[in-house]
């Protein structure tokens, strides 16, 4: 799709259930998704951005608020989800329902002004036109 990247920290936990030293079940939970430099993820988050931008200078960071947007009618090849986000289209479906605000912490708009927003709006008179596909006989 393009030269994009995003970063998020996953705070997860797992519990194993066993009986007589026999594995029975495991329980896995994602407790929170950290979406910006925040608490214990602050320095690693910033360092990761620095390293990525040094090695891939043309890549653009996609903030959580942007990649969590849902676009009506957006479908991706690898999923049969009814509702797809920008993240699904650019990367994959790994975040799943963790895009929900219940699971994230930090500034969801982090990187929006510095990495995403383009201040030079250029031609303000631009328009977009949609045409029907040609009829093939």
N, C-alpha and C. Protein backbone atom coordinates (compact mmCIF):
# COMPACT_ATOMS: atom_id res chain seq x y z
N UNK A 1 0.82 -1.20 0.00
CA UNK A 1 0.00 0.00 0.00
C UNK A 1 0.85 1.26 0.00
N UNK A 2 1.94 1.23 0.71
CA UNK A 2 2.76 2.42 0.79
C UNK A 2 3.80 2.26 1.87
N UNK A 3 4.52 3.33 2.09
CA UNK A 3 5.60 3.30 3.07
C UNK A 3 5.09 3.84 4.40
N UNK A 4 4.44 2.96 5.15
CA UNK A 4 3.84 3.32 6.43
C UNK A 4 4.31 2.37 7.51
N UNK A 5 4.29 2.86 8.74
CA UNK A 5 4.56 1.99 9.88
C UNK A 5 3.80 2.51 11.08
N UNK A 6 3.61 1.66 12.05
CA UNK A 6 3.01 2.06 13.32
C UNK A 6 3.69 1.28 14.42
N UNK A 7 3.53 1.74 15.64
CA UNK A 7 4.12 1.08 16.79
C UNK A 7 3.07 1.03 17.89
N UNK A 8 3.00 -0.08 18.58
CA UNK A 8 2.19 -0.15 19.79
C UNK A 8 2.80 -1.18 20.72
N UNK A 9 2.67 -0.94 22.02
CA UNK A 9 3.18 -1.87 23.03
C UNK A 9 2.03 -2.71 23.55
N UNK A 10 2.26 -3.99 23.72
CA UNK A 10 1.22 -4.90 24.19
C UNK A 10 1.53 -5.34 25.62
N UNK A 11 0.60 -5.06 26.53
CA UNK A 11 0.69 -5.53 27.91
C UNK A 11 -0.24 -6.74 28.01
N UNK A 12 0.35 -7.93 28.12
CA UNK A 12 -0.48 -9.12 28.14
C UNK A 12 -0.15 -10.02 29.32
N UNK A 13 -1.00 -11.00 29.54
CA UNK A 13 -0.76 -11.96 30.61
C UNK A 13 -1.27 -13.32 30.16
N UNK A 14 -0.72 -14.37 30.78
CA UNK A 14 -1.14 -15.73 30.45
C UNK A 14 -1.18 -16.54 31.74
N UNK A 15 -2.09 -17.48 31.76
CA UNK A 15 -2.22 -18.37 32.90
C UNK A 15 -2.39 -19.79 32.38
N UNK A 16 -1.69 -20.72 32.99
CA UNK A 16 -1.80 -22.12 32.59
C UNK A 16 -2.54 -22.90 33.66
N UNK A 17 -3.39 -23.79 33.22
CA UNK A 17 -4.11 -24.65 34.14
C UNK A 17 -3.58 -26.07 33.96
N UNK A 18 -3.20 -26.69 35.06
CA UNK A 18 -2.70 -28.06 34.97
C UNK A 18 -3.22 -28.88 36.15
N UNK A 19 -3.16 -30.16 35.98
CA UNK A 19 -3.60 -31.09 37.02
C UNK A 19 -2.67 -32.30 36.97
N UNK A 20 -2.06 -32.64 38.10
CA UNK A 20 -1.09 -33.75 38.16
C UNK A 20 -0.01 -33.59 37.10
N UNK A 21 0.53 -32.38 37.00
CA UNK A 21 1.59 -32.06 36.04
C UNK A 21 1.18 -32.26 34.58
N UNK A 22 -0.11 -32.31 34.32
CA UNK A 22 -0.61 -32.42 32.95
C UNK A 22 -1.22 -31.07 32.55
N UNK A 23 -0.81 -30.57 31.40
CA UNK A 23 -1.34 -29.31 30.88
C UNK A 23 -2.81 -29.52 30.48
N UNK A 24 -3.69 -28.64 30.96
CA UNK A 24 -5.12 -28.76 30.64
C UNK A 24 -5.55 -27.62 29.70
N UNK A 25 -5.35 -26.39 30.14
CA UNK A 25 -5.77 -25.23 29.36
C UNK A 25 -4.82 -24.07 29.61
N UNK A 26 -4.87 -23.11 28.70
CA UNK A 26 -4.18 -21.85 28.96
C UNK A 26 -5.15 -20.71 28.70
N UNK A 27 -4.96 -19.65 29.43
CA UNK A 27 -5.79 -18.46 29.31
C UNK A 27 -4.86 -17.30 28.97
N UNK A 28 -5.19 -16.57 27.95
CA UNK A 28 -4.34 -15.47 27.48
C UNK A 28 -5.20 -14.22 27.40
N UNK A 29 -4.65 -13.10 27.83
CA UNK A 29 -5.39 -11.83 27.78
C UNK A 29 -4.45 -10.69 27.43
N UNK A 30 -4.95 -9.79 26.61
CA UNK A 30 -4.25 -8.53 26.37
C UNK A 30 -4.91 -7.52 27.31
N UNK A 31 -4.11 -6.97 28.20
CA UNK A 31 -4.63 -6.05 29.20
C UNK A 31 -4.73 -4.62 28.67
N UNK A 32 -3.76 -4.23 27.86
CA UNK A 32 -3.75 -2.87 27.32
C UNK A 32 -2.84 -2.79 26.11
N UNK A 33 -3.16 -1.88 25.23
CA UNK A 33 -2.33 -1.55 24.08
C UNK A 33 -1.83 -0.12 24.32
N UNK A 34 -0.52 0.06 24.38
CA UNK A 34 0.04 1.39 24.57
C UNK A 34 0.33 1.98 23.20
N UNK A 35 -0.29 3.13 22.90
CA UNK A 35 -0.31 3.67 21.54
C UNK A 35 0.60 4.87 21.32
N UNK A 36 1.34 5.26 22.35
CA UNK A 36 2.24 6.41 22.24
C UNK A 36 3.31 6.28 23.33
N UNK A 37 4.32 7.16 23.30
CA UNK A 37 5.29 7.13 24.39
C UNK A 37 4.56 7.37 25.72
N UNK A 38 4.50 6.37 26.56
CA UNK A 38 3.71 6.44 27.79
C UNK A 38 4.30 5.51 28.83
N UNK A 39 4.54 6.05 30.01
CA UNK A 39 5.07 5.30 31.15
C UNK A 39 6.23 4.40 30.76
N UNK A 40 6.14 3.10 31.03
CA UNK A 40 7.28 2.21 30.78
C UNK A 40 7.61 2.05 29.29
N UNK A 41 6.71 2.45 28.41
CA UNK A 41 6.97 2.35 26.97
C UNK A 41 7.49 3.66 26.38
N UNK A 42 7.65 4.71 27.18
CA UNK A 42 8.05 6.00 26.63
C UNK A 42 9.39 5.95 25.90
N UNK A 43 10.44 5.56 26.57
CA UNK A 43 11.76 5.55 25.95
C UNK A 43 11.86 4.53 24.81
N UNK A 44 11.42 3.27 25.01
CA UNK A 44 11.49 2.32 23.88
C UNK A 44 10.68 2.78 22.66
N UNK A 45 9.53 3.40 22.89
CA UNK A 45 8.69 3.88 21.80
C UNK A 45 9.44 4.94 20.99
N UNK A 46 9.99 5.91 21.68
CA UNK A 46 10.72 6.99 21.01
C UNK A 46 11.96 6.46 20.29
N UNK A 47 12.66 5.52 20.91
CA UNK A 47 13.86 4.95 20.30
C UNK A 47 13.50 4.17 19.04
N UNK A 48 12.40 3.44 19.08
CA UNK A 48 11.96 2.67 17.92
C UNK A 48 11.65 3.61 16.74
N UNK A 49 10.96 4.70 17.01
CA UNK A 49 10.67 5.68 15.96
C UNK A 49 11.98 6.23 15.39
N UNK A 50 12.89 6.58 16.26
CA UNK A 50 14.19 7.11 15.82
C UNK A 50 14.91 6.12 14.91
N UNK A 51 14.96 4.85 15.30
CA UNK A 51 15.65 3.83 14.50
C UNK A 51 14.96 3.57 13.16
N UNK A 52 13.63 3.50 13.18
CA UNK A 52 12.89 3.27 11.94
C UNK A 52 13.11 4.42 10.97
N UNK A 53 13.00 5.65 11.47
CA UNK A 53 13.13 6.80 10.58
C UNK A 53 14.56 7.00 10.10
N UNK A 54 15.51 6.52 10.86
CA UNK A 54 16.90 6.58 10.41
C UNK A 54 17.13 5.58 9.28
N UNK A 55 16.59 4.39 9.44
CA UNK A 55 16.80 3.33 8.46
C UNK A 55 15.85 3.45 7.26
N UNK A 56 14.62 3.92 7.51
CA UNK A 56 13.60 4.07 6.46
C UNK A 56 13.10 5.52 6.45
N UNK A 57 13.89 6.46 5.95
CA UNK A 57 13.52 7.88 6.04
C UNK A 57 12.25 8.26 5.28
N UNK A 58 11.83 7.46 4.31
CA UNK A 58 10.64 7.80 3.53
C UNK A 58 9.35 7.25 4.14
N UNK A 59 9.46 6.48 5.20
CA UNK A 59 8.27 5.87 5.81
C UNK A 59 7.57 6.87 6.71
N UNK A 60 6.25 6.74 6.77
CA UNK A 60 5.44 7.67 7.55
C UNK A 60 4.76 6.92 8.69
N UNK A 61 4.88 7.45 9.91
CA UNK A 61 4.24 6.89 11.09
C UNK A 61 2.73 7.12 11.00
N UNK A 62 1.95 6.08 11.24
CA UNK A 62 0.49 6.19 11.23
C UNK A 62 -0.01 6.17 12.67
N UNK A 63 -0.54 7.29 13.16
CA UNK A 63 -1.03 7.34 14.53
C UNK A 63 -2.21 6.38 14.76
N UNK A 64 -2.37 5.97 15.99
CA UNK A 64 -3.45 5.07 16.36
C UNK A 64 -4.81 5.63 15.94
N UNK A 65 -5.02 6.94 16.16
CA UNK A 65 -6.30 7.56 15.81
C UNK A 65 -6.59 7.46 14.31
N UNK A 66 -5.55 7.48 13.49
CA UNK A 66 -5.74 7.38 12.04
C UNK A 66 -5.96 5.93 11.64
N UNK A 67 -5.10 5.02 12.10
CA UNK A 67 -5.26 3.64 11.64
C UNK A 67 -6.44 2.92 12.27
N UNK A 68 -7.07 3.52 13.28
CA UNK A 68 -8.27 2.94 13.88
C UNK A 68 -9.54 3.36 13.15
N UNK A 69 -9.43 4.31 12.24
CA UNK A 69 -10.61 4.77 11.50
C UNK A 69 -11.18 3.65 10.65
N UNK A 70 -12.49 3.60 10.62
CA UNK A 70 -13.20 2.62 9.80
C UNK A 70 -13.74 3.35 8.58
N UNK A 71 -13.56 2.74 7.42
CA UNK A 71 -14.03 3.34 6.18
C UNK A 71 -15.16 2.47 5.64
N UNK A 72 -16.34 3.07 5.48
CA UNK A 72 -17.49 2.33 4.95
C UNK A 72 -17.14 1.72 3.60
N UNK A 73 -17.41 0.43 3.46
CA UNK A 73 -17.17 -0.25 2.20
C UNK A 73 -15.77 -0.79 2.02
N UNK A 74 -14.86 -0.50 2.95
CA UNK A 74 -13.49 -0.98 2.84
C UNK A 74 -13.45 -2.48 3.13
N UNK A 75 -12.88 -3.23 2.22
CA UNK A 75 -12.71 -4.68 2.38
C UNK A 75 -11.25 -5.01 2.10
N UNK A 76 -10.76 -6.03 2.77
CA UNK A 76 -9.40 -6.50 2.52
C UNK A 76 -9.45 -7.96 2.11
N UNK A 77 -8.50 -8.36 1.27
CA UNK A 77 -8.48 -9.71 0.70
C UNK A 77 -8.42 -10.83 1.72
N UNK A 78 -7.62 -10.65 2.74
CA UNK A 78 -7.33 -11.73 3.67
C UNK A 78 -8.37 -11.88 4.78
N UNK A 79 -9.42 -11.08 4.78
CA UNK A 79 -10.39 -11.12 5.86
C UNK A 79 -11.81 -11.02 5.32
N UNK A 80 -12.73 -11.65 6.00
CA UNK A 80 -14.13 -11.52 5.62
C UNK A 80 -14.89 -10.66 6.63
N UNK A 81 -14.15 -9.80 7.35
CA UNK A 81 -14.78 -8.90 8.30
C UNK A 81 -15.73 -7.95 7.57
N UNK A 82 -16.84 -7.66 8.22
CA UNK A 82 -17.80 -6.72 7.65
C UNK A 82 -17.31 -5.27 7.74
N UNK A 83 -16.56 -4.97 8.78
CA UNK A 83 -16.07 -3.61 9.01
C UNK A 83 -14.54 -3.67 9.09
N UNK A 84 -13.87 -2.91 8.22
CA UNK A 84 -12.41 -2.90 8.20
C UNK A 84 -11.89 -1.51 8.55
N UNK A 85 -10.76 -1.49 9.23
CA UNK A 85 -10.13 -0.23 9.60
C UNK A 85 -8.97 0.06 8.64
N UNK A 86 -8.43 1.25 8.74
CA UNK A 86 -7.26 1.62 7.97
C UNK A 86 -6.11 0.68 8.33
N UNK A 87 -6.00 0.32 9.61
CA UNK A 87 -4.97 -0.63 10.05
C UNK A 87 -5.08 -1.95 9.28
N UNK A 88 -6.30 -2.47 9.15
CA UNK A 88 -6.51 -3.72 8.41
C UNK A 88 -5.99 -3.61 6.99
N UNK A 89 -6.24 -2.48 6.35
CA UNK A 89 -5.84 -2.29 4.96
C UNK A 89 -4.33 -2.09 4.81
N UNK A 90 -3.72 -1.32 5.71
CA UNK A 90 -2.30 -1.02 5.58
C UNK A 90 -1.40 -2.14 6.10
N UNK A 91 -1.82 -2.80 7.16
CA UNK A 91 -0.94 -3.76 7.82
C UNK A 91 -1.55 -5.17 7.80
N UNK A 92 -2.42 -5.46 8.73
CA UNK A 92 -3.08 -6.76 8.83
C UNK A 92 -4.20 -6.65 9.85
N UNK A 93 -4.81 -7.74 10.20
CA UNK A 93 -5.91 -7.69 11.16
C UNK A 93 -5.50 -8.03 12.58
N UNK A 94 -4.22 -7.97 12.90
CA UNK A 94 -3.75 -8.43 14.21
C UNK A 94 -4.27 -7.65 15.40
N UNK A 95 -4.60 -6.38 15.23
CA UNK A 95 -5.12 -5.63 16.38
C UNK A 95 -6.53 -6.05 16.72
N UNK A 96 -7.27 -6.56 15.77
CA UNK A 96 -8.62 -7.05 16.02
C UNK A 96 -9.46 -6.05 16.77
N UNK A 97 -10.19 -6.55 17.76
CA UNK A 97 -11.08 -5.66 18.51
C UNK A 97 -10.34 -4.82 19.54
N UNK A 98 -9.02 -4.93 19.61
CA UNK A 98 -8.26 -4.11 20.54
C UNK A 98 -8.15 -2.67 20.07
N UNK A 99 -8.70 -2.35 18.92
CA UNK A 99 -8.80 -0.95 18.51
C UNK A 99 -9.79 -0.21 19.41
N UNK A 100 -10.63 -0.95 20.09
CA UNK A 100 -11.60 -0.39 21.02
C UNK A 100 -10.88 0.43 22.08
N UNK A 101 -11.42 1.58 22.45
CA UNK A 101 -10.77 2.47 23.40
C UNK A 101 -10.60 1.84 24.78
N UNK A 102 -11.33 0.79 25.09
CA UNK A 102 -11.21 0.13 26.39
C UNK A 102 -9.80 -0.39 26.63
N UNK A 103 -9.11 -0.79 25.59
CA UNK A 103 -7.85 -1.47 25.73
C UNK A 103 -6.62 -0.61 25.49
N UNK A 104 -6.78 0.64 25.10
CA UNK A 104 -5.57 1.41 24.80
C UNK A 104 -5.30 2.49 25.85
N UNK A 105 -4.02 2.83 25.95
CA UNK A 105 -3.60 3.90 26.84
C UNK A 105 -2.55 4.73 26.12
N UNK A 106 -2.46 6.00 26.52
CA UNK A 106 -1.56 6.93 25.85
C UNK A 106 -2.35 7.85 24.95
N UNK A 107 -1.64 8.65 24.19
CA UNK A 107 -2.23 9.65 23.31
C UNK A 107 -2.51 9.04 21.94
N UNK A 108 -3.77 8.80 21.62
CA UNK A 108 -4.12 8.17 20.34
C UNK A 108 -3.76 9.04 19.14
N UNK A 109 -3.60 10.34 19.37
CA UNK A 109 -3.24 11.25 18.27
C UNK A 109 -1.74 11.48 18.18
N UNK A 110 -0.95 10.79 18.99
CA UNK A 110 0.50 10.97 18.97
C UNK A 110 1.03 10.76 17.54
N UNK A 111 1.83 11.72 17.09
CA UNK A 111 2.41 11.65 15.75
C UNK A 111 1.55 12.28 14.67
N UNK A 112 0.34 12.67 15.01
CA UNK A 112 -0.56 13.23 14.00
C UNK A 112 -0.02 14.54 13.43
N UNK A 113 0.33 15.47 14.29
CA UNK A 113 0.81 16.77 13.82
C UNK A 113 2.20 16.68 13.20
N UNK A 114 3.10 15.95 13.81
CA UNK A 114 4.48 15.90 13.34
C UNK A 114 4.72 14.96 12.18
N UNK A 115 3.95 13.89 12.10
CA UNK A 115 4.20 12.87 11.08
C UNK A 115 3.10 12.76 10.03
N UNK A 116 1.90 13.08 10.39
CA UNK A 116 0.77 12.77 9.51
C UNK A 116 0.19 13.97 8.81
N UNK A 117 -0.09 15.03 9.56
CA UNK A 117 -0.75 16.20 8.98
C UNK A 117 0.19 16.92 8.04
N UNK A 118 -0.33 17.32 6.90
CA UNK A 118 0.44 18.11 5.94
C UNK A 118 -0.08 19.54 6.05
N UNK A 119 0.80 20.45 6.44
CA UNK A 119 0.37 21.83 6.66
C UNK A 119 0.19 22.61 5.37
N UNK A 120 0.88 22.23 4.30
CA UNK A 120 0.73 22.91 3.02
C UNK A 120 -0.42 22.23 2.28
N UNK A 121 -1.58 22.87 2.31
CA UNK A 121 -2.78 22.27 1.72
C UNK A 121 -2.85 22.45 0.21
N UNK A 122 -1.91 23.17 -0.35
CA UNK A 122 -1.85 23.30 -1.80
C UNK A 122 -3.11 23.92 -2.38
N UNK A 123 -3.60 23.33 -3.45
CA UNK A 123 -4.76 23.83 -4.16
C UNK A 123 -6.03 23.54 -3.38
N UNK A 124 -6.63 24.58 -2.82
CA UNK A 124 -7.86 24.42 -2.05
C UNK A 124 -9.08 24.21 -2.94
N UNK A 125 -8.92 24.35 -4.25
CA UNK A 125 -10.05 24.21 -5.17
C UNK A 125 -10.10 22.84 -5.82
N UNK A 126 -9.37 21.89 -5.30
CA UNK A 126 -9.36 20.55 -5.89
C UNK A 126 -10.71 19.88 -5.69
N UNK A 127 -11.07 19.02 -6.62
CA UNK A 127 -12.30 18.27 -6.49
C UNK A 127 -12.04 16.82 -6.89
N UNK A 128 -12.92 15.96 -6.44
CA UNK A 128 -12.83 14.54 -6.76
C UNK A 128 -14.11 14.15 -7.48
N UNK A 129 -13.96 13.43 -8.60
CA UNK A 129 -15.13 12.98 -9.36
C UNK A 129 -15.07 11.47 -9.48
N UNK A 130 -16.22 10.84 -9.35
CA UNK A 130 -16.33 9.40 -9.51
C UNK A 130 -17.13 9.11 -10.77
N UNK A 131 -16.65 8.18 -11.56
CA UNK A 131 -17.32 7.81 -12.79
C UNK A 131 -17.69 6.34 -12.73
N UNK A 132 -18.76 5.98 -13.41
CA UNK A 132 -19.15 4.58 -13.50
C UNK A 132 -18.12 3.84 -14.34
N UNK A 133 -17.88 2.55 -14.02
CA UNK A 133 -16.94 1.80 -14.84
C UNK A 133 -17.51 1.62 -16.25
N UNK A 134 -16.63 1.46 -17.25
CA UNK A 134 -17.11 1.30 -18.62
C UNK A 134 -17.87 -0.02 -18.77
N UNK A 135 -18.85 -0.01 -19.64
CA UNK A 135 -19.62 -1.21 -19.92
C UNK A 135 -18.90 -1.98 -21.02
N UNK A 136 -18.58 -3.23 -20.73
CA UNK A 136 -17.87 -4.07 -21.70
C UNK A 136 -18.90 -5.01 -22.34
N UNK A 137 -18.92 -4.97 -23.68
CA UNK A 137 -19.89 -5.81 -24.39
C UNK A 137 -19.19 -6.97 -25.03
